[in-house]
Amino acid sequence: AQFSLPARVFYIGNAYGLEHNAGHQ
């Protein structure tokens, strides 16, 4: 009810998990 479609949203923040990038975890 708070959103009229299409909803355009963005975010900036930290996420967590195991990600491999250029040999680093």
PDBML (XML) file of the C-alpha atoms, coordinates in Angstrom:
<?xml version="1.0" encoding="UTF-8" ?>
<PDBx:datablock datablockName="MODEL"
   xmlns:PDBx="http://pdbml.pdb.org/schema/pdbx-v50.xsd"
   xmlns:xsi="http://www.w3.org/2001/XMLSchema-instance"
   xsi:schemaLocation="http://pdbml.pdb.org/schema/pdbx-v50.xsd pdbx-v50.xsd">
   <PDBx:atom_siteCategory>
      <PDBx:atom_site id="1">
         <PDBx:B_iso_or_equiv>0.00</PDBx:B_iso_or_equiv>
         <PDBx:Cartn_x>0.000</PDBx:Cartn_x>
         <PDBx:Cartn_y>0.000</PDBx:Cartn_y>
         <PDBx:Cartn_z>0.000</PDBx:Cartn_z>
         <PDBx:auth_asym_id>A</PDBx:auth_asym_id>
         <PDBx:auth_atom_id>CA</PDBx:auth_atom_id>
         <PDBx:auth_comp_id>ALA</PDBx:auth_comp_id>
         <PDBx:auth_seq_id>1</PDBx:auth_seq_id>
         <PDBx:group_PDB>ATOM</PDBx:group_PDB>
         <PDBx:label_alt_id xsi:nil="true" />
         <PDBx:label_asym_id>A</PDBx:label_asym_id>
         <PDBx:label_atom_id>CA</PDBx:label_atom_id>
         <PDBx:label_comp_id>ALA</PDBx:label_comp_id>
         <PDBx:label_entity_id>1</PDBx:label_entity_id>
         <PDBx:label_seq_id>1</PDBx:label_seq_id>
         <PDBx:occupancy>1.00</PDBx:occupancy>
         <PDBx:pdbx_PDB_model_num>1</PDBx:pdbx_PDB_model_num>
         <PDBx:type_symbol>C</PDBx:type_symbol>
      </PDBx:atom_site>
      <PDBx:atom_site id="2">
         <PDBx:B_iso_or_equiv>0.00</PDBx:B_iso_or_equiv>
         <PDBx:Cartn_x>2.982</PDBx:Cartn_x>
         <PDBx:Cartn_y>2.323</PDBx:Cartn_y>
         <PDBx:Cartn_z>0.537</PDBx:Cartn_z>
         <PDBx:auth_asym_id>A</PDBx:auth_asym_id>
         <PDBx:auth_atom_id>CA</PDBx:auth_atom_id>
         <PDBx:auth_comp_id>GLN</PDBx:auth_comp_id>
         <PDBx:auth_seq_id>2</PDBx:auth_seq_id>
         <PDBx:group_PDB>ATOM</PDBx:group_PDB>
         <PDBx:label_alt_id xsi:nil="true" />
         <PDBx:label_asym_id>A</PDBx:label_asym_id>
         <PDBx:label_atom_id>CA</PDBx:label_atom_id>
         <PDBx:label_comp_id>GLN</PDBx:label_comp_id>
         <PDBx:label_entity_id>1</PDBx:label_entity_id>
         <PDBx:label_seq_id>2</PDBx:label_seq_id>
         <PDBx:occupancy>1.00</PDBx:occupancy>
         <PDBx:pdbx_PDB_model_num>1</PDBx:pdbx_PDB_model_num>
         <PDBx:type_symbol>C</PDBx:type_symbol>
      </PDBx:atom_site>
      <PDBx:atom_site id="3">
         <PDBx:B_iso_or_equiv>0.00</PDBx:B_iso_or_equiv>
         <PDBx:Cartn_x>4.355</PDBx:Cartn_x>
         <PDBx:Cartn_y>1.810</PDBx:Cartn_y>
         <PDBx:Cartn_z>-2.954</PDBx:Cartn_z>
         <PDBx:auth_asym_id>A</PDBx:auth_asym_id>
         <PDBx:auth_atom_id>CA</PDBx:auth_atom_id>
         <PDBx:auth_comp_id>PHE</PDBx:auth_comp_id>
         <PDBx:auth_seq_id>3</PDBx:auth_seq_id>
         <PDBx:group_PDB>ATOM</PDBx:group_PDB>
         <PDBx:label_alt_id xsi:nil="true" />
         <PDBx:label_asym_id>A</PDBx:label_asym_id>
         <PDBx:label_atom_id>CA</PDBx:label_atom_id>
         <PDBx:label_comp_id>PHE</PDBx:label_comp_id>
         <PDBx:label_entity_id>1</PDBx:label_entity_id>
         <PDBx:label_seq_id>3</PDBx:label_seq_id>
         <PDBx:occupancy>1.00</PDBx:occupancy>
         <PDBx:pdbx_PDB_model_num>1</PDBx:pdbx_PDB_model_num>
         <PDBx:type_symbol>C</PDBx:type_symbol>
      </PDBx:atom_site>
      <PDBx:atom_site id="4">
         <PDBx:B_iso_or_equiv>0.00</PDBx:B_iso_or_equiv>
         <PDBx:Cartn_x>2.926</PDBx:Cartn_x>
         <PDBx:Cartn_y>2.798</PDBx:Cartn_y>
         <PDBx:Cartn_z>-6.295</PDBx:Cartn_z>
         <PDBx:auth_asym_id>A</PDBx:auth_asym_id>
         <PDBx:auth_atom_id>CA</PDBx:auth_atom_id>
         <PDBx:auth_comp_id>SER</PDBx:auth_comp_id>
         <PDBx:auth_seq_id>4</PDBx:auth_seq_id>
         <PDBx:group_PDB>ATOM</PDBx:group_PDB>
         <PDBx:label_alt_id xsi:nil="true" />
         <PDBx:label_asym_id>A</PDBx:label_asym_id>
         <PDBx:label_atom_id>CA</PDBx:label_atom_id>
         <PDBx:label_comp_id>SER</PDBx:label_comp_id>
         <PDBx:label_entity_id>1</PDBx:label_entity_id>
         <PDBx:label_seq_id>4</PDBx:label_seq_id>
         <PDBx:occupancy>1.00</PDBx:occupancy>
         <PDBx:pdbx_PDB_model_num>1</PDBx:pdbx_PDB_model_num>
         <PDBx:type_symbol>C</PDBx:type_symbol>
      </PDBx:atom_site>
      <PDBx:atom_site id="5">
         <PDBx:B_iso_or_equiv>0.00</PDBx:B_iso_or_equiv>
         <PDBx:Cartn_x>4.313</PDBx:Cartn_x>
         <PDBx:Cartn_y>0.460</PDBx:Cartn_y>
         <PDBx:Cartn_z>-8.913</PDBx:Cartn_z>
         <PDBx:auth_asym_id>A</PDBx:auth_asym_id>
         <PDBx:auth_atom_id>CA</PDBx:auth_atom_id>
         <PDBx:auth_comp_id>LEU</PDBx:auth_comp_id>
         <PDBx:auth_seq_id>5</PDBx:auth_seq_id>
         <PDBx:group_PDB>ATOM</PDBx:group_PDB>
         <PDBx:label_alt_id xsi:nil="true" />
         <PDBx:label_asym_id>A</PDBx:label_asym_id>
         <PDBx:label_atom_id>CA</PDBx:label_atom_id>
         <PDBx:label_comp_id>LEU</PDBx:label_comp_id>
         <PDBx:label_entity_id>1</PDBx:label_entity_id>
         <PDBx:label_seq_id>5</PDBx:label_seq_id>
         <PDBx:occupancy>1.00</PDBx:occupancy>
         <PDBx:pdbx_PDB_model_num>1</PDBx:pdbx_PDB_model_num>
         <PDBx:type_symbol>C</PDBx:type_symbol>
      </PDBx:atom_site>
      <PDBx:atom_site id="6">
         <PDBx:B_iso_or_equiv>0.00</PDBx:B_iso_or_equiv>
         <PDBx:Cartn_x>6.796</PDBx:Cartn_x>
         <PDBx:Cartn_y>0.421</PDBx:Cartn_y>
         <PDBx:Cartn_z>-10.356</PDBx:Cartn_z>
         <PDBx:auth_asym_id>A</PDBx:auth_asym_id>
         <PDBx:auth_atom_id>CA</PDBx:auth_atom_id>
         <PDBx:auth_comp_id>PRO</PDBx:auth_comp_id>
         <PDBx:auth_seq_id>6</PDBx:auth_seq_id>
         <PDBx:group_PDB>ATOM</PDBx:group_PDB>
         <PDBx:label_alt_id xsi:nil="true" />
         <PDBx:label_asym_id>A</PDBx:label_asym_id>
         <PDBx:label_atom_id>CA</PDBx:label_atom_id>
         <PDBx:label_comp_id>PRO</PDBx:label_comp_id>
         <PDBx:label_entity_id>1</PDBx:label_entity_id>
         <PDBx:label_seq_id>6</PDBx:label_seq_id>
         <PDBx:occupancy>1.00</PDBx:occupancy>
         <PDBx:pdbx_PDB_model_num>1</PDBx:pdbx_PDB_model_num>
         <PDBx:type_symbol>C</PDBx:type_symbol>
      </PDBx:atom_site>
      <PDBx:atom_site id="7">
         <PDBx:B_iso_or_equiv>0.00</PDBx:B_iso_or_equiv>
         <PDBx:Cartn_x>8.762</PDBx:Cartn_x>
         <PDBx:Cartn_y>0.903</PDBx:Cartn_y>
         <PDBx:Cartn_z>-7.134</PDBx:Cartn_z>
         <PDBx:auth_asym_id>A</PDBx:auth_asym_id>
         <PDBx:auth_atom_id>CA</PDBx:auth_atom_id>
         <PDBx:auth_comp_id>ALA</PDBx:auth_comp_id>
         <PDBx:auth_seq_id>7</PDBx:auth_seq_id>
         <PDBx:group_PDB>ATOM</PDBx:group_PDB>
         <PDBx:label_alt_id xsi:nil="true" />
         <PDBx:label_asym_id>A</PDBx:label_asym_id>
         <PDBx:label_atom_id>CA</PDBx:label_atom_id>
         <PDBx:label_comp_id>ALA</PDBx:label_comp_id>
         <PDBx:label_entity_id>1</PDBx:label_entity_id>
         <PDBx:label_seq_id>7</PDBx:label_seq_id>
         <PDBx:occupancy>1.00</PDBx:occupancy>
         <PDBx:pdbx_PDB_model_num>1</PDBx:pdbx_PDB_model_num>
         <PDBx:type_symbol>C</PDBx:type_symbol>
      </PDBx:atom_site>
      <PDBx:atom_site id="8">
         <PDBx:B_iso_or_equiv>0.00</PDBx:B_iso_or_equiv>
         <PDBx:Cartn_x>12.189</PDBx:Cartn_x>
         <PDBx:Cartn_y>2.472</PDBx:Cartn_y>
         <PDBx:Cartn_z>-7.515</PDBx:Cartn_z>
         <PDBx:auth_asym_id>A</PDBx:auth_asym_id>
         <PDBx:auth_atom_id>CA</PDBx:auth_atom_id>
         <PDBx:auth_comp_id>ARG</PDBx:auth_comp_id>
         <PDBx:auth_seq_id>8</PDBx:auth_seq_id>
         <PDBx:group_PDB>ATOM</PDBx:group_PDB>
         <PDBx:label_alt_id xsi:nil="true" />
         <PDBx:label_asym_id>A</PDBx:label_asym_id>
         <PDBx:label_atom_id>CA</PDBx:label_atom_id>
         <PDBx:label_comp_id>ARG</PDBx:label_comp_id>
         <PDBx:label_entity_id>1</PDBx:label_entity_id>
         <PDBx:label_seq_id>8</PDBx:label_seq_id>
         <PDBx:occupancy>1.00</PDBx:occupancy>
         <PDBx:pdbx_PDB_model_num>1</PDBx:pdbx_PDB_model_num>
         <PDBx:type_symbol>C</PDBx:type_symbol>
      </PDBx:atom_site>
      <PDBx:atom_site id="9">
         <PDBx:B_iso_or_equiv>0.00</PDBx:B_iso_or_equiv>
         <PDBx:Cartn_x>14.368</PDBx:Cartn_x>
         <PDBx:Cartn_y>1.783</PDBx:Cartn_y>
         <PDBx:Cartn_z>-4.493</PDBx:Cartn_z>
         <PDBx:auth_asym_id>A</PDBx:auth_asym_id>
         <PDBx:auth_atom_id>CA</PDBx:auth_atom_id>
         <PDBx:auth_comp_id>VAL</PDBx:auth_comp_id>
         <PDBx:auth_seq_id>9</PDBx:auth_seq_id>
         <PDBx:group_PDB>ATOM</PDBx:group_PDB>
         <PDBx:label_alt_id xsi:nil="true" />
         <PDBx:label_asym_id>A</PDBx:label_asym_id>
         <PDBx:label_atom_id>CA</PDBx:label_atom_id>
         <PDBx:label_comp_id>VAL</PDBx:label_comp_id>
         <PDBx:label_entity_id>1</PDBx:label_entity_id>
         <PDBx:label_seq_id>9</PDBx:label_seq_id>
         <PDBx:occupancy>1.00</PDBx:occupancy>
         <PDBx:pdbx_PDB_model_num>1</PDBx:pdbx_PDB_model_num>
         <PDBx:type_symbol>C</PDBx:type_symbol>
      </PDBx:atom_site>
      <PDBx:atom_site id="10">
         <PDBx:B_iso_or_equiv>0.00</PDBx:B_iso_or_equiv>
         <PDBx:Cartn_x>18.054</PDBx:Cartn_x>
         <PDBx:Cartn_y>1.856</PDBx:Cartn_y>
         <PDBx:Cartn_z>-3.586</PDBx:Cartn_z>
         <PDBx:auth_asym_id>A</PDBx:auth_asym_id>
         <PDBx:auth_atom_id>CA</PDBx:auth_atom_id>
         <PDBx:auth_comp_id>PHE</PDBx:auth_comp_id>
         <PDBx:auth_seq_id>10</PDBx:auth_seq_id>
         <PDBx:group_PDB>ATOM</PDBx:group_PDB>
         <PDBx:label_alt_id xsi:nil="true" />
         <PDBx:label_asym_id>A</PDBx:label_asym_id>
         <PDBx:label_atom_id>CA</PDBx:label_atom_id>
         <PDBx:label_comp_id>PHE</PDBx:label_comp_id>
         <PDBx:label_entity_id>1</PDBx:label_entity_id>
         <PDBx:label_seq_id>10</PDBx:label_seq_id>
         <PDBx:occupancy>1.00</PDBx:occupancy>
         <PDBx:pdbx_PDB_model_num>1</PDBx:pdbx_PDB_model_num>
         <PDBx:type_symbol>C</PDBx:type_symbol>
      </PDBx:atom_site>
      <PDBx:atom_site id="11">
         <PDBx:B_iso_or_equiv>0.00</PDBx:B_iso_or_equiv>
         <PDBx:Cartn_x>20.242</PDBx:Cartn_x>
         <PDBx:Cartn_y>0.796</PDBx:Cartn_y>
         <PDBx:Cartn_z>-0.692</PDBx:Cartn_z>
         <PDBx:auth_asym_id>A</PDBx:auth_asym_id>
         <PDBx:auth_atom_id>CA</PDBx:auth_atom_id>
         <PDBx:auth_comp_id>TYR</PDBx:auth_comp_id>
         <PDBx:auth_seq_id>11</PDBx:auth_seq_id>
         <PDBx:group_PDB>ATOM</PDBx:group_PDB>
         <PDBx:label_alt_id xsi:nil="true" />
         <PDBx:label_asym_id>A</PDBx:label_asym_id>
         <PDBx:label_atom_id>CA</PDBx:label_atom_id>
         <PDBx:label_comp_id>TYR</PDBx:label_comp_id>
         <PDBx:label_entity_id>1</PDBx:label_entity_id>
         <PDBx:label_seq_id>11</PDBx:label_seq_id>
         <PDBx:occupancy>1.00</PDBx:occupancy>
         <PDBx:pdbx_PDB_model_num>1</PDBx:pdbx_PDB_model_num>
         <PDBx:type_symbol>C</PDBx:type_symbol>
      </PDBx:atom_site>
      <PDBx:atom_site id="12">
         <PDBx:B_iso_or_equiv>0.00</PDBx:B_iso_or_equiv>
         <PDBx:Cartn_x>23.759</PDBx:Cartn_x>
         <PDBx:Cartn_y>1.277</PDBx:Cartn_y>
         <PDBx:Cartn_z>0.645</PDBx:Cartn_z>
         <PDBx:auth_asym_id>A</PDBx:auth_asym_id>
         <PDBx:auth_atom_id>CA</PDBx:auth_atom_id>
         <PDBx:auth_comp_id>ILE</PDBx:auth_comp_id>
         <PDBx:auth_seq_id>12</PDBx:auth_seq_id>
         <PDBx:group_PDB>ATOM</PDBx:group_PDB>
         <PDBx:label_alt_id xsi:nil="true" />
         <PDBx:label_asym_id>A</PDBx:label_asym_id>
         <PDBx:label_atom_id>CA</PDBx:label_atom_id>
         <PDBx:label_comp_id>ILE</PDBx:label_comp_id>
         <PDBx:label_entity_id>1</PDBx:label_entity_id>
         <PDBx:label_seq_id>12</PDBx:label_seq_id>
         <PDBx:occupancy>1.00</PDBx:occupancy>
         <PDBx:pdbx_PDB_model_num>1</PDBx:pdbx_PDB_model_num>
         <PDBx:type_symbol>C</PDBx:type_symbol>
      </PDBx:atom_site>
      <PDBx:atom_site id="13">
         <PDBx:B_iso_or_equiv>0.00</PDBx:B_iso_or_equiv>
         <PDBx:Cartn_x>25.049</PDBx:Cartn_x>
         <PDBx:Cartn_y>-0.912</PDBx:Cartn_y>
         <PDBx:Cartn_z>3.453</PDBx:Cartn_z>
         <PDBx:auth_asym_id>A</PDBx:auth_asym_id>
         <PDBx:auth_atom_id>CA</PDBx:auth_atom_id>
         <PDBx:auth_comp_id>GLY</PDBx:auth_comp_id>
         <PDBx:auth_seq_id>13</PDBx:auth_seq_id>
         <PDBx:group_PDB>ATOM</PDBx:group_PDB>
         <PDBx:label_alt_id xsi:nil="true" />
         <PDBx:label_asym_id>A</PDBx:label_asym_id>
         <PDBx:label_atom_id>CA</PDBx:label_atom_id>
         <PDBx:label_comp_id>GLY</PDBx:label_comp_id>
         <PDBx:label_entity_id>1</PDBx:label_entity_id>
         <PDBx:label_seq_id>13</PDBx:label_seq_id>
         <PDBx:occupancy>1.00</PDBx:occupancy>
         <PDBx:pdbx_PDB_model_num>1</PDBx:pdbx_PDB_model_num>
         <PDBx:type_symbol>C</PDBx:type_symbol>
      </PDBx:atom_site>
      <PDBx:atom_site id="14">
         <PDBx:B_iso_or_equiv>0.00</PDBx:B_iso_or_equiv>
         <PDBx:Cartn_x>26.972</PDBx:Cartn_x>
         <PDBx:Cartn_y>-3.966</PDBx:Cartn_y>
         <PDBx:Cartn_z>4.545</PDBx:Cartn_z>
         <PDBx:auth_asym_id>A</PDBx:auth_asym_id>
         <PDBx:auth_atom_id>CA</PDBx:auth_atom_id>
         <PDBx:auth_comp_id>ASN</PDBx:auth_comp_id>
         <PDBx:auth_seq_id>14</PDBx:auth_seq_id>
         <PDBx:group_PDB>ATOM</PDBx:group_PDB>
         <PDBx:label_alt_id xsi:nil="true" />
         <PDBx:label_asym_id>A</PDBx:label_asym_id>
         <PDBx:label_atom_id>CA</PDBx:label_atom_id>
         <PDBx:label_comp_id>ASN</PDBx:label_comp_id>
         <PDBx:label_entity_id>1</PDBx:label_entity_id>
         <PDBx:label_seq_id>14</PDBx:label_seq_id>
         <PDBx:occupancy>1.00</PDBx:occupancy>
         <PDBx:pdbx_PDB_model_num>1</PDBx:pdbx_PDB_model_num>
         <PDBx:type_symbol>C</PDBx:type_symbol>
      </PDBx:atom_site>
      <PDBx:atom_site id="15">
         <PDBx:B_iso_or_equiv>0.00</PDBx:B_iso_or_equiv>
         <PDBx:Cartn_x>26.138</PDBx:Cartn_x>
         <PDBx:Cartn_y>-7.523</PDBx:Cartn_y>
         <PDBx:Cartn_z>3.557</PDBx:Cartn_z>
         <PDBx:auth_asym_id>A</PDBx:auth_asym_id>
         <PDBx:auth_atom_id>CA</PDBx:auth_atom_id>
         <PDBx:auth_comp_id>ALA</PDBx:auth_comp_id>
         <PDBx:auth_seq_id>15</PDBx:auth_seq_id>
         <PDBx:group_PDB>ATOM</PDBx:group_PDB>
         <PDBx:label_alt_id xsi:nil="true" />
         <PDBx:label_asym_id>A</PDBx:label_asym_id>
         <PDBx:label_atom_id>CA</PDBx:label_atom_id>
         <PDBx:label_comp_id>ALA</PDBx:label_comp_id>
         <PDBx:label_entity_id>1</PDBx:label_entity_id>
         <PDBx:label_seq_id>15</PDBx:label_seq_id>
         <PDBx:occupancy>1.00</PDBx:occupancy>
         <PDBx:pdbx_PDB_model_num>1</PDBx:pdbx_PDB_model_num>
         <PDBx:type_symbol>C</PDBx:type_symbol>
      </PDBx:atom_site>
      <PDBx:atom_site id="16">
         <PDBx:B_iso_or_equiv>0.00</PDBx:B_iso_or_equiv>
         <PDBx:Cartn_x>27.580</PDBx:Cartn_x>
         <PDBx:Cartn_y>-10.724</PDBx:Cartn_y>
         <PDBx:Cartn_z>4.987</PDBx:Cartn_z>
         <PDBx:auth_asym_id>A</PDBx:auth_asym_id>
         <PDBx:auth_atom_id>CA</PDBx:auth_atom_id>
         <PDBx:auth_comp_id>TYR</PDBx:auth_comp_id>
         <PDBx:auth_seq_id>16</PDBx:auth_seq_id>
         <PDBx:group_PDB>ATOM</PDBx:group_PDB>
         <PDBx:label_alt_id xsi:nil="true" />
         <PDBx:label_asym_id>A</PDBx:label_asym_id>
         <PDBx:label_atom_id>CA</PDBx:label_atom_id>
         <PDBx:label_comp_id>TYR</PDBx:label_comp_id>
         <PDBx:label_entity_id>1</PDBx:label_entity_id>
         <PDBx:label_seq_id>16</PDBx:label_seq_id>
         <PDBx:occupancy>1.00</PDBx:occupancy>
         <PDBx:pdbx_PDB_model_num>1</PDBx:pdbx_PDB_model_num>
         <PDBx:type_symbol>C</PDBx:type_symbol>
      </PDBx:atom_site>
      <PDBx:atom_site id="17">
         <PDBx:B_iso_or_equiv>0.00</PDBx:B_iso_or_equiv>
         <PDBx:Cartn_x>28.597</PDBx:Cartn_x>
         <PDBx:Cartn_y>-14.127</PDBx:Cartn_y>
         <PDBx:Cartn_z>3.713</PDBx:Cartn_z>
         <PDBx:auth_asym_id>A</PDBx:auth_asym_id>
         <PDBx:auth_atom_id>CA</PDBx:auth_atom_id>
         <PDBx:auth_comp_id>GLY</PDBx:auth_comp_id>
         <PDBx:auth_seq_id>17</PDBx:auth_seq_id>
         <PDBx:group_PDB>ATOM</PDBx:group_PDB>
         <PDBx:label_alt_id xsi:nil="true" />
         <PDBx:label_asym_id>A</PDBx:label_asym_id>
         <PDBx:label_atom_id>CA</PDBx:label_atom_id>
         <PDBx:label_comp_id>GLY</PDBx:label_comp_id>
         <PDBx:label_entity_id>1</PDBx:label_entity_id>
         <PDBx:label_seq_id>17</PDBx:label_seq_id>
         <PDBx:occupancy>1.00</PDBx:occupancy>
         <PDBx:pdbx_PDB_model_num>1</PDBx:pdbx_PDB_model_num>
         <PDBx:type_symbol>C</PDBx:type_symbol>
      </PDBx:atom_site>
      <PDBx:atom_site id="18">
         <PDBx:B_iso_or_equiv>0.00</PDBx:B_iso_or_equiv>
         <PDBx:Cartn_x>31.565</PDBx:Cartn_x>
         <PDBx:Cartn_y>-15.912</PDBx:Cartn_y>
         <PDBx:Cartn_z>2.205</PDBx:Cartn_z>
         <PDBx:auth_asym_id>A</PDBx:auth_asym_id>
         <PDBx:auth_atom_id>CA</PDBx:auth_atom_id>
         <PDBx:auth_comp_id>LEU</PDBx:auth_comp_id>
         <PDBx:auth_seq_id>18</PDBx:auth_seq_id>
         <PDBx:group_PDB>ATOM</PDBx:group_PDB>
         <PDBx:label_alt_id xsi:nil="true" />
         <PDBx:label_asym_id>A</PDBx:label_asym_id>
         <PDBx:label_atom_id>CA</PDBx:label_atom_id>
         <PDBx:label_comp_id>LEU</PDBx:label_comp_id>
         <PDBx:label_entity_id>1</PDBx:label_entity_id>
         <PDBx:label_seq_id>18</PDBx:label_seq_id>
         <PDBx:occupancy>1.00</PDBx:occupancy>
         <PDBx:pdbx_PDB_model_num>1</PDBx:pdbx_PDB_model_num>
         <PDBx:type_symbol>C</PDBx:type_symbol>
      </PDBx:atom_site>
      <PDBx:atom_site id="19">
         <PDBx:B_iso_or_equiv>0.00</PDBx:B_iso_or_equiv>
         <PDBx:Cartn_x>32.617</PDBx:Cartn_x>
         <PDBx:Cartn_y>-14.220</PDBx:Cartn_y>
         <PDBx:Cartn_z>-1.010</PDBx:Cartn_z>
         <PDBx:auth_asym_id>A</PDBx:auth_asym_id>
         <PDBx:auth_atom_id>CA</PDBx:auth_atom_id>
         <PDBx:auth_comp_id>GLU</PDBx:auth_comp_id>
         <PDBx:auth_seq_id>19</PDBx:auth_seq_id>
         <PDBx:group_PDB>ATOM</PDBx:group_PDB>
         <PDBx:label_alt_id xsi:nil="true" />
         <PDBx:label_asym_id>A</PDBx:label_asym_id>
         <PDBx:label_atom_id>CA</PDBx:label_atom_id>
         <PDBx:label_comp_id>GLU</PDBx:label_comp_id>
         <PDBx:label_entity_id>1</PDBx:label_entity_id>
         <PDBx:label_seq_id>19</PDBx:label_seq_id>
         <PDBx:occupancy>1.00</PDBx:occupancy>
         <PDBx:pdbx_PDB_model_num>1</PDBx:pdbx_PDB_model_num>
         <PDBx:type_symbol>C</PDBx:type_symbol>
      </PDBx:atom_site>
      <PDBx:atom_site id="20">
         <PDBx:B_iso_or_equiv>0.00</PDBx:B_iso_or_equiv>
         <PDBx:Cartn_x>35.764</PDBx:Cartn_x>
         <PDBx:Cartn_y>-15.057</PDBx:Cartn_y>
         <PDBx:Cartn_z>-2.963</PDBx:Cartn_z>
         <PDBx:auth_asym_id>A</PDBx:auth_asym_id>
         <PDBx:auth_atom_id>CA</PDBx:auth_atom_id>
         <PDBx:auth_comp_id>HIS</PDBx:auth_comp_id>
         <PDBx:auth_seq_id>20</PDBx:auth_seq_id>
         <PDBx:group_PDB>ATOM</PDBx:group_PDB>
         <PDBx:label_alt_id xsi:nil="true" />
         <PDBx:label_asym_id>A</PDBx:label_asym_id>
         <PDBx:label_atom_id>CA</PDBx:label_atom_id>
         <PDBx:label_comp_id>HIS</PDBx:label_comp_id>
         <PDBx:label_entity_id>1</PDBx:label_entity_id>
         <PDBx:label_seq_id>20</PDBx:label_seq_id>
         <PDBx:occupancy>1.00</PDBx:occupancy>
         <PDBx:pdbx_PDB_model_num>1</PDBx:pdbx_PDB_model_num>
         <PDBx:type_symbol>C</PDBx:type_symbol>
      </PDBx:atom_site>
      <PDBx:atom_site id="21">
         <PDBx:B_iso_or_equiv>0.00</PDBx:B_iso_or_equiv>
         <PDBx:Cartn_x>37.468</PDBx:Cartn_x>
         <PDBx:Cartn_y>-12.183</PDBx:Cartn_y>
         <PDBx:Cartn_z>-4.745</PDBx:Cartn_z>
         <PDBx:auth_asym_id>A</PDBx:auth_asym_id>
         <PDBx:auth_atom_id>CA</PDBx:auth_atom_id>
         <PDBx:auth_comp_id>ASN</PDBx:auth_comp_id>
         <PDBx:auth_seq_id>21</PDBx:auth_seq_id>
         <PDBx:group_PDB>ATOM</PDBx:group_PDB>
         <PDBx:label_alt_id xsi:nil="true" />
         <PDBx:label_asym_id>A</PDBx:label_asym_id>
         <PDBx:label_atom_id>CA</PDBx:label_atom_id>
         <PDBx:label_comp_id>ASN</PDBx:label_comp_id>
         <PDBx:label_entity_id>1</PDBx:label_entity_id>
         <PDBx:label_seq_id>21</PDBx:label_seq_id>
         <PDBx:occupancy>1.00</PDBx:occupancy>
         <PDBx:pdbx_PDB_model_num>1</PDBx:pdbx_PDB_model_num>
         <PDBx:type_symbol>C</PDBx:type_symbol>
      </PDBx:atom_site>
      <PDBx:atom_site id="22">
         <PDBx:B_iso_or_equiv>0.00</PDBx:B_iso_or_equiv>
         <PDBx:Cartn_x>40.894</PDBx:Cartn_x>
         <PDBx:Cartn_y>-12.313</PDBx:Cartn_y>
         <PDBx:Cartn_z>-6.395</PDBx:Cartn_z>
         <PDBx:auth_asym_id>A</PDBx:auth_asym_id>
         <PDBx:auth_atom_id>CA</PDBx:auth_atom_id>
         <PDBx:auth_comp_id>ALA</PDBx:auth_comp_id>
         <PDBx:auth_seq_id>22</PDBx:auth_seq_id>
         <PDBx:group_PDB>ATOM</PDBx:group_PDB>
         <PDBx:label_alt_id xsi:nil="true" />
         <PDBx:label_asym_id>A</PDBx:label_asym_id>
         <PDBx:label_atom_id>CA</PDBx:label_atom_id>
         <PDBx:label_comp_id>ALA</PDBx:label_comp_id>
         <PDBx:label_entity_id>1</PDBx:label_entity_id>
         <PDBx:label_seq_id>22</PDBx:label_seq_id>
         <PDBx:occupancy>1.00</PDBx:occupancy>
         <PDBx:pdbx_PDB_model_num>1</PDBx:pdbx_PDB_model_num>
         <PDBx:type_symbol>C</PDBx:type_symbol>
      </PDBx:atom_site>
      <PDBx:atom_site id="23">
         <PDBx:B_iso_or_equiv>0.00</PDBx:B_iso_or_equiv>
         <PDBx:Cartn_x>42.023</PDBx:Cartn_x>
         <PDBx:Cartn_y>-15.135</PDBx:Cartn_y>
         <PDBx:Cartn_z>-4.143</PDBx:Cartn_z>
         <PDBx:auth_asym_id>A</PDBx:auth_asym_id>
         <PDBx:auth_atom_id>CA</PDBx:auth_atom_id>
         <PDBx:auth_comp_id>GLY</PDBx:auth_comp_id>
         <PDBx:auth_seq_id>23</PDBx:auth_seq_id>
         <PDBx:group_PDB>ATOM</PDBx:group_PDB>
         <PDBx:label_alt_id xsi:nil="true" />
         <PDBx:label_asym_id>A</PDBx:label_asym_id>
         <PDBx:label_atom_id>CA</PDBx:label_atom_id>
         <PDBx:label_comp_id>GLY</PDBx:label_comp_id>
         <PDBx:label_entity_id>1</PDBx:label_entity_id>
         <PDBx:label_seq_id>23</PDBx:label_seq_id>
         <PDBx:occupancy>1.00</PDBx:occupancy>
         <PDBx:pdbx_PDB_model_num>1</PDBx:pdbx_PDB_model_num>
         <PDBx:type_symbol>C</PDBx:type_symbol>
      </PDBx:atom_site>
      <PDBx:atom_site id="24">
         <PDBx:B_iso_or_equiv>0.00</PDBx:B_iso_or_equiv>
         <PDBx:Cartn_x>40.810</PDBx:Cartn_x>
         <PDBx:Cartn_y>-13.439</PDBx:Cartn_y>
         <PDBx:Cartn_z>-0.977</PDBx:Cartn_z>
         <PDBx:auth_asym_id>A</PDBx:auth_asym_id>
         <PDBx:auth_atom_id>CA</PDBx:auth_atom_id>
         <PDBx:auth_comp_id>HIS</PDBx:auth_comp_id>
         <PDBx:auth_seq_id>24</PDBx:auth_seq_id>
         <PDBx:group_PDB>ATOM</PDBx:group_PDB>
         <PDBx:label_alt_id xsi:nil="true" />
         <PDBx:label_asym_id>A</PDBx:label_asym_id>
         <PDBx:label_atom_id>CA</PDBx:label_atom_id>
         <PDBx:label_comp_id>HIS</PDBx:label_comp_id>
         <PDBx:label_entity_id>1</PDBx:label_entity_id>
         <PDBx:label_seq_id>24</PDBx:label_seq_id>
         <PDBx:occupancy>1.00</PDBx:occupancy>
         <PDBx:pdbx_PDB_model_num>1</PDBx:pdbx_PDB_model_num>
         <PDBx:type_symbol>C</PDBx:type_symbol>
      </PDBx:atom_site>
      <PDBx:atom_site id="25">
         <PDBx:B_iso_or_equiv>0.00</PDBx:B_iso_or_equiv>
         <PDBx:Cartn_x>37.905</PDBx:Cartn_x>
         <PDBx:Cartn_y>-14.426</PDBx:Cartn_y>
         <PDBx:Cartn_z>1.230</PDBx:Cartn_z>
         <PDBx:auth_asym_id>A</PDBx:auth_asym_id>
         <PDBx:auth_atom_id>CA</PDBx:auth_atom_id>
         <PDBx:auth_comp_id>GLN</PDBx:auth_comp_id>
         <PDBx:auth_seq_id>25</PDBx:auth_seq_id>
         <PDBx:group_PDB>ATOM</PDBx:group_PDB>
         <PDBx:label_alt_id xsi:nil="true" />
         <PDBx:label_asym_id>A</PDBx:label_asym_id>
         <PDBx:label_atom_id>CA</PDBx:label_atom_id>
         <PDBx:label_comp_id>GLN</PDBx:label_comp_id>
         <PDBx:label_entity_id>1</PDBx:label_entity_id>
         <PDBx:label_seq_id>25</PDBx:label_seq_id>
         <PDBx:occupancy>1.00</PDBx:occupancy>
         <PDBx:pdbx_PDB_model_num>1</PDBx:pdbx_PDB_model_num>
         <PDBx:type_symbol>C</PDBx:type_symbol>
      </PDBx:atom_site>
   </PDBx:atom_siteCategory>
</PDBx:datablock>
